[in-house]
Amino acid sequence: MTVGTRHFWRLSTEDGIYARGQFPLRGSAGDERFVGIIINGSITRKISPGITASLEGSYLDDNPPGEDTAFAVVDVKIRF
């Protein structure tokens, strides 16, 4: 199990905010340089010798001018 935080700022208020894979969350709306704090964590479990499952999630707080953002991913790996 891992847990961590990251703090994000924009260099310029003209910068956009992007998610993984360069997907735009929001353009240059707002005059805040501080984007927010991400709290993330993951849990990985070995189910059998060839199967591993993991759960990963993040929560972005204080995301001006928008609302808080959260996501979760479930990943199952099968080796054969």
PDB file of N, CA and C in Angstrom:
ATOM      1  N   MET A   1       0.853  -1.180   0.000  1.00  0.00           N
ATOM      2  CA  MET A   1       0.000   0.000   0.000  1.00  0.00           C
ATOM      3  C   MET A   1       0.894   1.236   0.000  1.00  0.00           C
ATOM      4  N   THR A   2       0.561   2.189  -0.834  1.00  0.00           N
ATOM      5  CA  THR A   2       1.282   3.460  -0.858  1.00  0.00           C
ATOM      6  C   THR A   2       0.287   4.613  -0.789  1.00  0.00           C
ATOM      7  N   VAL A   3       0.704   5.686  -0.143  1.00  0.00           N
ATOM      8  CA  VAL A   3      -0.101   6.898  -0.036  1.00  0.00           C
ATOM      9  C   VAL A   3       0.839   8.086  -0.208  1.00  0.00           C
ATOM     10  N   GLY A   4       0.395   9.112  -0.916  1.00  0.00           N
ATOM     11  CA  GLY A   4       1.248  10.282  -1.107  1.00  0.00           C
ATOM     12  C   GLY A   4       0.436  11.519  -1.450  1.00  0.00           C
ATOM     13  N   THR A   5       1.105  12.653  -1.447  1.00  0.00           N
ATOM     14  CA  THR A   5       0.480  13.911  -1.856  1.00  0.00           C
ATOM     15  C   THR A   5       1.409  14.651  -2.803  1.00  0.00           C
ATOM     16  N   ARG A   6       0.818  15.474  -3.633  1.00  0.00           N
ATOM     17  CA  ARG A   6       1.570  16.355  -4.523  1.00  0.00           C
ATOM     18  C   ARG A   6       0.870  17.704  -4.535  1.00  0.00           C
ATOM     19  N   HIS A   7       1.658  18.765  -4.621  1.00  0.00           N
ATOM     20  CA  HIS A   7       1.128  20.123  -4.670  1.00  0.00           C
ATOM     21  C   HIS A   7       1.447  20.694  -6.046  1.00  0.00           C
ATOM     22  N   PHE A   8       0.446  21.305  -6.695  1.00  0.00           N
ATOM     23  CA  PHE A   8       0.608  21.785  -8.063  1.00  0.00           C
ATOM     24  C   PHE A   8       0.322  23.279  -8.181  1.00  0.00           C
ATOM     25  N   TRP A   9       1.208  23.945  -8.932  1.00  0.00           N
ATOM     26  CA  TRP A   9       1.044  25.359  -9.279  1.00  0.00           C
ATOM     27  C   TRP A   9       1.242  25.503 -10.779  1.00  0.00           C
ATOM     28  N   ARG A  10       0.627  26.546 -11.364  1.00  0.00           N
ATOM     29  CA  ARG A  10       0.869  26.881 -12.768  1.00  0.00           C
ATOM     30  C   ARG A  10       1.929  27.968 -12.816  1.00  0.00           C
ATOM     31  N   LEU A  11       2.792  27.931 -13.824  1.00  0.00           N
ATOM     32  CA  LEU A  11       3.782  28.997 -13.999  1.00  0.00           C
ATOM     33  C   LEU A  11       3.101  30.304 -14.356  1.00  0.00           C
ATOM     34  N   SER A  12       2.023  30.212 -15.120  1.00  0.00           N
ATOM     35  CA  SER A  12       1.300  31.389 -15.567  1.00  0.00           C
ATOM     36  C   SER A  12      -0.197  31.121 -15.438  1.00  0.00           C
ATOM     37  N   THR A  13      -0.976  32.160 -15.201  1.00  0.00           N
ATOM     38  CA  THR A  13      -2.426  31.979 -15.151  1.00  0.00           C
ATOM     39  C   THR A  13      -3.008  31.691 -16.533  1.00  0.00           C
ATOM     40  N   GLU A  14      -2.206  31.829 -17.574  1.00  0.00           N
ATOM     41  CA  GLU A  14      -2.629  31.498 -18.931  1.00  0.00           C
ATOM     42  C   GLU A  14      -2.472  30.004 -19.225  1.00  0.00           C
ATOM     43  N   ASP A  15      -1.772  29.262 -18.363  1.00  0.00           N
ATOM     44  CA  ASP A  15      -1.568  27.825 -18.567  1.00  0.00           C
ATOM     45  C   ASP A  15      -2.861  27.064 -18.331  1.00  0.00           C
ATOM     46  N   GLY A  16      -3.070  25.988 -19.095  1.00  0.00           N
ATOM     47  CA  GLY A  16      -4.208  25.105 -18.880  1.00  0.00           C
ATOM     48  C   GLY A  16      -3.858  24.065 -17.812  1.00  0.00           C
ATOM     49  N   ILE A  17      -4.829  23.261 -17.465  1.00  0.00           N
ATOM     50  CA  ILE A  17      -4.635  22.181 -16.502  1.00  0.00           C
ATOM     51  C   ILE A  17      -4.997  20.886 -17.210  1.00  0.00           C
ATOM     52  N   TYR A  18      -4.087  19.914 -17.181  1.00  0.00           N
ATOM     53  CA  TYR A  18      -4.248  18.692 -17.951  1.00  0.00           C
ATOM     54  C   TYR A  18      -4.182  17.456 -17.054  1.00  0.00           C
ATOM     55  N   ALA A  19      -4.914  16.422 -17.454  1.00  0.00           N
ATOM     56  CA  ALA A  19      -4.875  15.131 -16.778  1.00  0.00           C
ATOM     57  C   ALA A  19      -3.838  14.247 -17.475  1.00  0.00           C
ATOM     58  N   ARG A  20      -3.716  13.018 -16.993  1.00  0.00           N
ATOM     59  CA  ARG A  20      -2.816  12.060 -17.643  1.00  0.00           C
ATOM     60  C   ARG A  20      -3.200  11.915 -19.111  1.00  0.00           C
ATOM     61  N   GLY A  21      -2.217  11.705 -19.947  1.00  0.00           N
ATOM     62  CA  GLY A  21      -2.457  11.562 -21.378  1.00  0.00           C
ATOM     63  C   GLY A  21      -2.744  12.877 -22.078  1.00  0.00           C
ATOM     64  N   GLN A  22      -2.407  14.005 -21.438  1.00  0.00           N
ATOM     65  CA  GLN A  22      -2.596  15.340 -22.001  1.00  0.00           C
ATOM     66  C   GLN A  22      -4.063  15.671 -22.263  1.00  0.00           C
ATOM     67  N   PHE A  23      -4.985  15.066 -21.518  1.00  0.00           N
ATOM     68  CA  PHE A  23      -6.404  15.381 -21.623  1.00  0.00           C
ATOM     69  C   PHE A  23      -6.678  16.671 -20.856  1.00  0.00           C
ATOM     70  N   PRO A  24      -7.195  17.721 -21.521  1.00  0.00           N
ATOM     71  CA  PRO A  24      -7.399  18.991 -20.814  1.00  0.00           C
ATOM     72  C   PRO A  24      -8.537  18.914 -19.800  1.00  0.00           C
ATOM     73  N   LEU A  25      -8.232  19.216 -18.545  1.00  0.00           N
ATOM     74  CA  LEU A  25      -9.263  19.309 -17.514  1.00  0.00           C
ATOM     75  C   LEU A  25      -9.968  20.651 -17.614  1.00  0.00           C
ATOM     76  N   ARG A  26      -9.181  21.676 -17.867  1.00  0.00           N
ATOM     77  CA  ARG A  26      -9.731  23.025 -17.959  1.00  0.00           C
ATOM     78  C   ARG A  26      -8.680  23.897 -18.655  1.00  0.00           C
ATOM     79  N   GLY A  27      -9.149  24.852 -19.399  1.00  0.00           N
ATOM     80  CA  GLY A  27      -8.237  25.776 -20.068  1.00  0.00           C
ATOM     81  C   GLY A  27      -7.660  26.775 -19.079  1.00  0.00           C
ATOM     82  N   SER A  28      -7.402  27.963 -19.534  1.00  0.00           N
ATOM     83  CA  SER A  28      -6.736  28.963 -18.702  1.00  0.00           C
ATOM     84  C   SER A  28      -7.717  29.757 -17.844  1.00  0.00           C
ATOM     85  N   ALA A  29      -8.887  29.201 -17.562  1.00  0.00           N
ATOM     86  CA  ALA A  29      -9.886  29.905 -16.746  1.00  0.00           C
ATOM     87  C   ALA A  29      -9.363  30.111 -15.332  1.00  0.00           C
ATOM     88  N   GLY A  30      -9.643  31.261 -14.786  1.00  0.00           N
ATOM     89  CA  GLY A  30      -9.253  31.548 -13.404  1.00  0.00           C
ATOM     90  C   GLY A  30      -7.947  32.313 -13.319  1.00  0.00           C
ATOM     91  N   ASP A  31      -7.765  33.016 -12.213  1.00  0.00           N
ATOM     92  CA  ASP A  31      -6.553  33.806 -12.033  1.00  0.00           C
ATOM     93  C   ASP A  31      -5.688  33.265 -10.903  1.00  0.00           C
ATOM     94  N   GLU A  32      -5.928  32.026 -10.505  1.00  0.00           N
ATOM     95  CA  GLU A  32      -5.134  31.392  -9.451  1.00  0.00           C
ATOM     96  C   GLU A  32      -3.965  30.630 -10.058  1.00  0.00           C
ATOM     97  N   ARG A  33      -2.793  30.770  -9.471  1.00  0.00           N
ATOM     98  CA  ARG A  33      -1.642  29.978  -9.904  1.00  0.00           C
ATOM     99  C   ARG A  33      -1.626  28.631  -9.212  1.00  0.00           C
ATOM    100  N   PHE A  34      -2.171  28.584  -7.996  1.00  0.00           N
ATOM    101  CA  PHE A  34      -2.224  27.332  -7.255  1.00  0.00           C
ATOM    102  C   PHE A  34      -3.337  26.460  -7.833  1.00  0.00           C
ATOM    103  N   VAL A  35      -3.009  25.248  -8.271  1.00  0.00           N
ATOM    104  CA  VAL A  35      -3.980  24.345  -8.869  1.00  0.00           C
ATOM    105  C   VAL A  35      -4.655  23.504  -7.789  1.00  0.00           C
ATOM    106  N   GLY A  36      -3.870  22.934  -6.883  1.00  0.00           N
ATOM    107  CA  GLY A  36      -4.461  22.116  -5.837  1.00  0.00           C
ATOM    108  C   GLY A  36      -3.488  21.099  -5.280  1.00  0.00           C
ATOM    109  N   ILE A  37      -4.016  20.286  -4.408  1.00  0.00           N
ATOM    110  CA  ILE A  37      -3.244  19.220  -3.765  1.00  0.00           C
ATOM    111  C   ILE A  37      -3.868  17.897  -4.182  1.00  0.00           C
ATOM    112  N   ILE A  38      -3.048  16.995  -4.701  1.00  0.00           N
ATOM    113  CA  ILE A  38      -3.523  15.661  -5.048  1.00  0.00           C
ATOM    114  C   ILE A  38      -3.123  14.705  -3.934  1.00  0.00           C
ATOM    115  N   ILE A  39      -4.100  13.966  -3.458  1.00  0.00           N
ATOM    116  CA  ILE A  39      -3.857  12.886  -2.510  1.00  0.00           C
ATOM    117  C   ILE A  39      -4.083  11.597  -3.289  1.00  0.00           C
ATOM    118  N   ASN A  40      -3.086  10.742  -3.325  1.00  0.00           N
ATOM    119  CA  ASN A  40      -3.234   9.508  -4.088  1.00  0.00           C
ATOM    120  C   ASN A  40      -2.784   8.304  -3.279  1.00  0.00           C
ATOM    121  N   GLY A  41      -3.266   7.150  -3.686  1.00  0.00           N
ATOM    122  CA  GLY A  41      -2.902   5.919  -3.013  1.00  0.00           C
ATOM    123  C   GLY A  41      -3.122   4.734  -3.917  1.00  0.00           C
ATOM    124  N   SER A  42      -2.476   3.633  -3.574  1.00  0.00           N
ATOM    125  CA  SER A  42      -2.659   2.410  -4.346  1.00  0.00           C
ATOM    126  C   SER A  42      -2.484   1.196  -3.442  1.00  0.00           C
ATOM    127  N   ILE A  43      -3.200   0.152  -3.802  1.00  0.00           N
ATOM    128  CA  ILE A  43      -3.118  -1.132  -3.106  1.00  0.00           C
ATOM    129  C   ILE A  43      -2.944  -2.194  -4.175  1.00  0.00           C
ATOM    130  N   THR A  44      -1.967  -3.079  -4.000  1.00  0.00           N
ATOM    131  CA  THR A  44      -1.727  -4.167  -4.939  1.00  0.00           C
ATOM    132  C   THR A  44      -1.734  -5.484  -4.175  1.00  0.00           C
ATOM    133  N   ARG A  45      -2.434  -6.456  -4.709  1.00  0.00           N
ATOM    134  CA  ARG A  45      -2.513  -7.770  -4.078  1.00  0.00           C
ATOM    135  C   ARG A  45      -2.260  -8.861  -5.111  1.00  0.00           C
ATOM    136  N   LYS A  46      -1.494  -9.859  -4.711  1.00  0.00           N
ATOM    137  CA  LYS A  46      -1.260 -11.030  -5.554  1.00  0.00           C
ATOM    138  C   LYS A  46      -2.361 -12.037  -5.229  1.00  0.00           C
ATOM    139  N   ILE A  47      -3.212 -12.326  -6.208  1.00  0.00           N
ATOM    140  CA  ILE A  47      -4.339 -13.224  -6.005  1.00  0.00           C
ATOM    141  C   ILE A  47      -3.914 -14.678  -6.160  1.00  0.00           C
ATOM    142  N   SER A  48      -3.066 -14.933  -7.136  1.00  0.00           N
ATOM    143  CA  SER A  48      -2.504 -16.263  -7.373  1.00  0.00           C
ATOM    144  C   SER A  48      -1.146 -16.055  -8.042  1.00  0.00           C
ATOM    145  N   PRO A  49      -0.391 -17.140  -8.287  1.00  0.00           N
ATOM    146  CA  PRO A  49       0.929 -16.946  -8.895  1.00  0.00           C
ATOM    147  C   PRO A  49       0.914 -16.179 -10.224  1.00  0.00           C
ATOM    148  N   GLY A  50      -0.190 -16.236 -10.970  1.00  0.00           N
ATOM    149  CA  GLY A  50      -0.236 -15.543 -12.257  1.00  0.00           C
ATOM    150  C   GLY A  50      -1.174 -14.358 -12.322  1.00  0.00           C
ATOM    151  N   ILE A  51      -1.834 -14.017 -11.213  1.00  0.00           N
ATOM    152  CA  ILE A  51      -2.828 -12.930 -11.237  1.00  0.00           C
ATOM    153  C   ILE A  51      -2.530 -11.917 -10.139  1.00  0.00           C
ATOM    154  N   THR A  52      -2.437 -10.643 -10.547  1.00  0.00           N
ATOM    155  CA  THR A  52      -2.220  -9.533  -9.619  1.00  0.00           C
ATOM    156  C   THR A  52      -3.310  -8.488  -9.866  1.00  0.00           C
ATOM    157  N   ALA A  53      -3.895  -7.985  -8.796  1.00  0.00           N
ATOM    158  CA  ALA A  53      -4.924  -6.943  -8.904  1.00  0.00           C
ATOM    159  C   ALA A  53      -4.461  -5.711  -8.138  1.00  0.00           C
ATOM    160  N   SER A  54      -4.785  -4.532  -8.668  1.00  0.00           N
ATOM    161  CA  SER A  54      -4.428  -3.300  -7.974  1.00  0.00           C
ATOM    162  C   SER A  54      -5.556  -2.285  -8.101  1.00  0.00           C
ATOM    163  N   LEU A  55      -5.641  -1.428  -7.109  1.00  0.00           N
ATOM    164  CA  LEU A  55      -6.593  -0.334  -7.068  1.00  0.00           C
ATOM    165  C   LEU A  55      -5.802   0.932  -6.824  1.00  0.00           C
ATOM    166  N   GLU A  56      -5.990   1.926  -7.685  1.00  0.00           N
ATOM    167  CA  GLU A  56      -5.291   3.199  -7.546  1.00  0.00           C
ATOM    168  C   GLU A  56      -6.318   4.320  -7.622  1.00  0.00           C
ATOM    169  N   GLY A  57      -6.158   5.329  -6.790  1.00  0.00           N
ATOM    170  CA  GLY A  57      -7.086   6.446  -6.799  1.00  0.00           C
ATOM    171  C   GLY A  57      -6.403   7.740  -6.456  1.00  0.00           C
ATOM    172  N   SER A  58      -6.990   8.835  -6.914  1.00  0.00           N
ATOM    173  CA  SER A  58      -6.483  10.175  -6.621  1.00  0.00           C
ATOM    174  C   SER A  58      -7.644  11.101  -6.344  1.00  0.00           C
ATOM    175  N   TYR A  59      -7.341  12.131  -5.562  1.00  0.00           N
ATOM    176  CA  TYR A  59      -8.329  13.151  -5.235  1.00  0.00           C
ATOM    177  C   TYR A  59      -7.642  14.499  -5.318  1.00  0.00           C
ATOM    178  N   LEU A  60      -8.148  15.377  -6.184  1.00  0.00           N
ATOM    179  CA  LEU A  60      -7.592  16.717  -6.357  1.00  0.00           C
ATOM    180  C   LEU A  60      -8.496  17.702  -5.632  1.00  0.00           C
ATOM    181  N   ASP A  61      -7.957  18.325  -4.593  1.00  0.00           N
ATOM    182  CA  ASP A  61      -8.701  19.255  -3.746  1.00  0.00           C
ATOM    183  C   ASP A  61      -8.343  20.687  -4.133  1.00  0.00           C
ATOM    184  N   ASP A  62      -9.195  21.641  -3.787  1.00  0.00           N
ATOM    185  CA  ASP A  62      -8.932  23.065  -4.035  1.00  0.00           C
ATOM    186  C   ASP A  62      -8.557  23.307  -5.487  1.00  0.00           C
ATOM    187  N   ASN A  63      -9.468  22.975  -6.381  1.00  0.00           N
ATOM    188  CA  ASN A  63      -9.210  23.025  -7.814  1.00  0.00           C
ATOM    189  C   ASN A  63      -9.878  24.258  -8.428  1.00  0.00           C
ATOM    190  N   PRO A  64      -9.381  25.483  -8.106  1.00  0.00           N
ATOM    191  CA  PRO A  64     -10.065  26.694  -8.550  1.00  0.00           C
ATOM    192  C   PRO A  64     -10.018  26.859 -10.060  1.00  0.00           C
ATOM    193  N   PRO A  65     -11.035  27.382 -10.699  1.00  0.00           N
ATOM    194  CA  PRO A  65     -12.346  27.748 -10.155  1.00  0.00           C
ATOM    195  C   PRO A  65     -13.342  26.601 -10.194  1.00  0.00           C
ATOM    196  N   GLY A  66     -12.902  25.388 -10.488  1.00  0.00           N
ATOM    197  CA  GLY A  66     -13.798  24.243 -10.588  1.00  0.00           C
ATOM    198  C   GLY A  66     -14.018  23.557  -9.257  1.00  0.00           C
ATOM    199  N   GLU A  67     -14.610  22.377  -9.338  1.00  0.00           N
ATOM    200  CA  GLU A  67     -14.895  21.599  -8.148  1.00  0.00           C
ATOM    201  C   GLU A  67     -13.804  20.554  -7.936  1.00  0.00           C
ATOM    202  N   ASP A  68     -13.854  19.883  -6.786  1.00  0.00           N
ATOM    203  CA  ASP A  68     -12.902  18.814  -6.490  1.00  0.00           C
ATOM    204  C   ASP A  68     -13.055  17.695  -7.527  1.00  0.00           C
ATOM    205  N   THR A  69     -11.967  16.989  -7.802  1.00  0.00           N
ATOM    206  CA  THR A  69     -11.945  15.932  -8.796  1.00  0.00           C
ATOM    207  C   THR A  69     -11.408  14.660  -8.163  1.00  0.00           C
ATOM    208  N   ALA A  70     -12.026  13.527  -8.479  1.00  0.00           N
ATOM    209  CA  ALA A  70     -11.562  12.238  -7.955  1.00  0.00           C
ATOM    210  C   ALA A  70     -11.643  11.194  -9.055  1.00  0.00           C
ATOM    211  N   PHE A  71     -10.746  10.201  -8.987  1.00  0.00           N
ATOM    212  CA  PHE A  71     -10.844   9.081  -9.918  1.00  0.00           C
ATOM    213  C   PHE A  71     -10.253   7.836  -9.275  1.00  0.00           C
ATOM    214  N   ALA A  72     -10.655   6.679  -9.812  1.00  0.00           N
ATOM    215  CA  ALA A  72     -10.119   5.402  -9.337  1.00  0.00           C
ATOM    216  C   ALA A  72      -9.943   4.485 -10.549  1.00  0.00           C
ATOM    217  N   VAL A  73      -8.929   3.620 -10.464  1.00  0.00           N
ATOM    218  CA  VAL A  73      -8.629   2.670 -11.531  1.00  0.00           C
ATOM    219  C   VAL A  73      -8.420   1.295 -10.901  1.00  0.00           C
ATOM    220  N   VAL A  74      -9.059   0.277 -11.475  1.00  0.00           N
ATOM    221  CA  VAL A  74      -8.826  -1.101 -11.058  1.00  0.00           C
ATOM    222  C   VAL A  74      -8.077  -1.777 -12.199  1.00  0.00           C
ATOM    223  N   ASP A  75      -6.990  -2.450 -11.867  1.00  0.00           N
ATOM    224  CA  ASP A  75      -6.130  -3.073 -12.864  1.00  0.00           C
ATOM    225  C   ASP A  75      -5.902  -4.523 -12.463  1.00  0.00           C
ATOM    226  N   VAL A  76      -6.144  -5.446 -13.400  1.00  0.00           N
ATOM    227  CA  VAL A  76      -5.894  -6.879 -13.167  1.00  0.00           C
ATOM    228  C   VAL A  76      -4.889  -7.339 -14.203  1.00  0.00           C
ATOM    229  N   LYS A  77      -3.792  -7.924 -13.748  1.00  0.00           N
ATOM    230  CA  LYS A  77      -2.760  -8.448 -14.651  1.00  0.00           C
ATOM    231  C   LYS A  77      -2.739  -9.961 -14.569  1.00  0.00           C
ATOM    232  N   ILE A  78      -2.793 -10.601 -15.732  1.00  0.00           N
ATOM    233  CA  ILE A  78      -2.770 -12.060 -15.809  1.00  0.00           C
ATOM    234  C   ILE A  78      -1.547 -12.470 -16.620  1.00  0.00           C
ATOM    235  N   ARG A  79      -0.699 -13.277 -15.991  1.00  0.00           N
ATOM    236  CA  ARG A  79       0.517 -13.802 -16.662  1.00  0.00           C
ATOM    237  C   ARG A  79       0.287 -15.249 -17.000  1.00  0.00           C
ATOM    238  N   PHE A  80       0.584 -15.581 -18.255  1.00  0.00           N
ATOM    239  CA  PHE A  80       0.502 -16.989 -18.652  1.00  0.00           C
ATOM    240  C   PHE A  80       1.532 -17.301 -19.689  1.00  0.00           C
TER     241      PHE A  80
END
